[in-house]
C-alpha atoms as a PDB file:
ATOM      1  CA  UNK A   1       0.037  -0.055  -0.063  1.00  0.00           C
ATOM      2  CA  UNK A   2       2.777   2.428   0.628  1.00  0.00           C
ATOM      3  CA  UNK A   3       4.184   1.855  -2.893  1.00  0.00           C
ATOM      4  CA  UNK A   4       0.961   2.463  -4.479  1.00  0.00           C
ATOM      5  CA  UNK A   5       0.457   5.698  -2.314  1.00  0.00           C
ATOM      6  CA  UNK A   6       3.948   6.762  -3.342  1.00  0.00           C
ATOM      7  CA  UNK A   7       3.108   6.290  -7.104  1.00  0.00           C
ATOM      8  CA  UNK A   8      -0.049   8.074  -6.779  1.00  0.00           C
ATOM      9  CA  UNK A   9       1.723  10.788  -5.077  1.00  0.00           C
ATOM     10  CA  UNK A  10       4.271  10.870  -7.955  1.00  0.00           C
ATOM     11  CA  UNK A  11       1.233  11.225 -10.494  1.00  0.00           C
ATOM     12  CA  UNK A  12       0.094  14.215  -8.525  1.00  0.00           C
ATOM     13  CA  UNK A  13       3.479  15.673  -8.426  1.00  0.00           C
ATOM     14  CA  UNK A  14       3.659  15.228 -12.154  1.00  0.00           C
ATOM     15  CA  UNK A  15       0.104  16.839 -12.445  1.00  0.00           C
ATOM     16  CA  UNK A  16       1.010  19.706 -10.353  1.00  0.00           C
ATOM     17  CA  UNK A  17       4.184  20.295 -12.523  1.00  0.00           C
ATOM     18  CA  UNK A  18       2.017  20.009 -15.701  1.00  0.00           C
ATOM     19  CA  UNK A  19       4.028  16.949 -16.751  1.00  0.00           C
ATOM     20  CA  UNK A  20       1.037  14.876 -17.874  1.00  0.00           C
ATOM     21  CA  UNK A  21       2.192  13.167 -21.153  1.00  0.00           C
ATOM     22  CA  UNK A  22       2.333   9.643 -21.619  1.00  0.00           C
ATOM     23  CA  UNK A  23       6.030   9.280 -21.205  1.00  0.00           C
ATOM     24  CA  UNK A  24       5.891  10.848 -17.737  1.00  0.00           C
ATOM     25  CA  UNK A  25       2.888   8.986 -16.466  1.00  0.00           C
ATOM     26  CA  UNK A  26       2.425   5.644 -18.065  1.00  0.00           C
ATOM     27  CA  UNK A  27       5.322   4.020 -16.188  1.00  0.00           C
ATOM     28  CA  UNK A  28       3.699   5.120 -12.905  1.00  0.00           C
ATOM     29  CA  UNK A  29       0.438   3.758 -14.022  1.00  0.00           C
ATOM     30  CA  UNK A  30       2.071   0.472 -14.900  1.00  0.00           C
ATOM     31  CA  UNK A  31       3.759   0.237 -11.572  1.00  0.00           C
ATOM     32  CA  UNK A  32       0.426   0.669 -10.007  1.00  0.00           C
ATOM     33  CA  UNK A  33      -1.178  -2.067 -11.952  1.00  0.00           C
ATOM     34  CA  UNK A  34       1.827  -4.464 -11.395  1.00  0.00           C
ATOM     35  CA  UNK A  35       1.373  -3.779  -7.612  1.00  0.00           C
ATOM     36  CA  UNK A  36      -2.451  -4.389  -7.832  1.00  0.00           C
ATOM     37  CA  UNK A  37      -1.749  -7.907  -8.964  1.00  0.00           C
ATOM     38  CA  UNK A  38      -0.421  -8.840  -5.607  1.00  0.00           C
ATOM     39  CA  UNK A  39      -3.361  -7.354  -3.561  1.00  0.00           C
ATOM     40  CA  UNK A  40      -5.136 -10.649  -2.820  1.00  0.00           C
ATOM     41  CA  UNK A  41      -1.837 -12.316  -2.032  1.00  0.00           C
ATOM     42  CA  UNK A  42      -0.834  -9.550   0.324  1.00  0.00           C
ATOM     43  CA  UNK A  43      -4.049  -9.982   2.344  1.00  0.00           C
ATOM     44  CA  UNK A  44      -4.717 -13.798   2.528  1.00  0.00           C
ATOM     45  CA  UNK A  45      -6.974 -13.292   5.540  1.00  0.00           C
ATOM     46  CA  UNK A  46      -9.323 -11.363   3.180  1.00  0.00           C
ATOM     47  CA  UNK A  47      -9.235 -13.614   0.313  1.00  0.00           C
ATOM     48  CA  UNK A  48     -12.638 -15.122   0.854  1.00  0.00           C
ATOM     49  CA  UNK A  49     -14.349 -11.665   1.658  1.00  0.00           C
ATOM     50  CA  UNK A  50     -16.428 -10.767  -1.276  1.00  0.00           C
ATOM     51  CA  UNK A  51     -16.076  -7.048  -0.534  1.00  0.00           C
ATOM     52  CA  UNK A  52     -12.345  -7.441  -0.629  1.00  0.00           C
ATOM     53  CA  UNK A  53     -12.119  -9.383  -3.835  1.00  0.00           C
ATOM     54  CA  UNK A  54     -14.622  -6.921  -5.446  1.00  0.00           C
ATOM     55  CA  UNK A  55     -12.437  -4.068  -4.451  1.00  0.00           C
ATOM     56  CA  UNK A  56      -9.254  -5.495  -5.384  1.00  0.00           C
ATOM     57  CA  UNK A  57     -10.916  -6.456  -8.892  1.00  0.00           C
ATOM     58  CA  UNK A  58     -12.067  -2.819  -9.284  1.00  0.00           C
ATOM     59  CA  UNK A  59      -8.633  -1.488  -8.680  1.00  0.00           C
ATOM     60  CA  UNK A  60      -7.333  -3.869 -11.569  1.00  0.00           C
ATOM     61  CA  UNK A  61     -10.150  -2.667 -13.696  1.00  0.00           C
ATOM     62  CA  UNK A  62      -9.388   1.000 -13.000  1.00  0.00           C
ATOM     63  CA  UNK A  63      -5.668   0.491 -13.647  1.00  0.00           C
ATOM     64  CA  UNK A  64      -6.352  -1.567 -16.934  1.00  0.00           C
ATOM     65  CA  UNK A  65      -8.681   1.331 -18.321  1.00  0.00           C
ATOM     66  CA  UNK A  66      -6.144   4.017 -17.385  1.00  0.00           C
ATOM     67  CA  UNK A  67      -3.235   1.975 -19.348  1.00  0.00           C
ATOM     68  CA  UNK A  68      -5.391   1.104 -22.079  1.00  0.00           C
ATOM     69  CA  UNK A  69      -6.410   4.649 -22.729  1.00  0.00           C
ATOM     70  CA  UNK A  70      -3.445   6.751 -21.011  1.00  0.00           C
ATOM     71  CA  UNK A  71      -4.480  10.224 -20.119  1.00  0.00           C
ATOM     72  CA  UNK A  72      -2.634  12.647 -22.389  1.00  0.00           C
ATOM     73  CA  UNK A  73      -3.594  15.716 -20.356  1.00  0.00           C
ATOM     74  CA  UNK A  74      -3.501  16.843 -16.896  1.00  0.00           C
ATOM     75  CA  UNK A  75      -7.159  17.039 -16.830  1.00  0.00           C
ATOM     76  CA  UNK A  76      -7.379  13.426 -18.128  1.00  0.00           C
ATOM     77  CA  UNK A  77      -4.627  12.370 -15.437  1.00  0.00           C
ATOM     78  CA  UNK A  78      -6.893  14.020 -12.669  1.00  0.00           C
ATOM     79  CA  UNK A  79      -9.900  12.100 -13.908  1.00  0.00           C
ATOM     80  CA  UNK A  80      -8.002   8.858 -14.077  1.00  0.00           C
ATOM     81  CA  UNK A  81      -6.571   9.459 -10.524  1.00  0.00           C
ATOM     82  CA  UNK A  82     -10.126   9.963  -9.214  1.00  0.00           C
ATOM     83  CA  UNK A  83     -11.183   6.678 -10.711  1.00  0.00           C
ATOM     84  CA  UNK A  84      -8.193   4.841  -9.244  1.00  0.00           C
ATOM     85  CA  UNK A  85      -8.447   6.838  -6.008  1.00  0.00           C
ATOM     86  CA  UNK A  86     -12.309   5.621  -5.467  1.00  0.00           C
ATOM     87  CA  UNK A  87     -11.163   2.009  -5.692  1.00  0.00           C
ATOM     88  CA  UNK A  88      -8.643   2.567  -2.846  1.00  0.00           C
ATOM     89  CA  UNK A  89     -11.104   4.564  -0.835  1.00  0.00           C
ATOM     90  CA  UNK A  90     -13.841   1.655  -1.100  1.00  0.00           C
ATOM     91  CA  UNK A  91     -11.348  -0.774   0.218  1.00  0.00           C
ATOM     92  CA  UNK A  92      -9.958   1.413   3.014  1.00  0.00           C
ATOM     93  CA  UNK A  93     -13.313   2.053   4.197  1.00  0.00           C
ATOM     94  CA  UNK A  94     -14.159  -1.411   4.734  1.00  0.00           C
ATOM     95  CA  UNK A  95     -10.641  -2.785   6.074  1.00  0.00           C
ATOM     96  CA  UNK A  96      -8.110  -0.180   6.856  1.00  0.00           C
ATOM     97  CA  UNK A  97     -10.061   0.732  10.066  1.00  0.00           C
END
């Protein structure tokens, strides 16, 4: 989770610096997607909880969408980050405590 939060912070910094072209943001989105692959394995106690598996699947879907159609503007990056953040928020509300 720390790595994902750091990557999101780097995307926000890129947006704040108006560096939102694909070469700046796509590697960060890809890193987020790779770490999303490990969500279920990282929390084995939650693997049977439908809320968790739904949330982790939603995270991967949001990442797939952002990578398939990478945002090319800071406005687009902001929208993609909002979508990704919503998936994080949904899981955190249920499990972070």
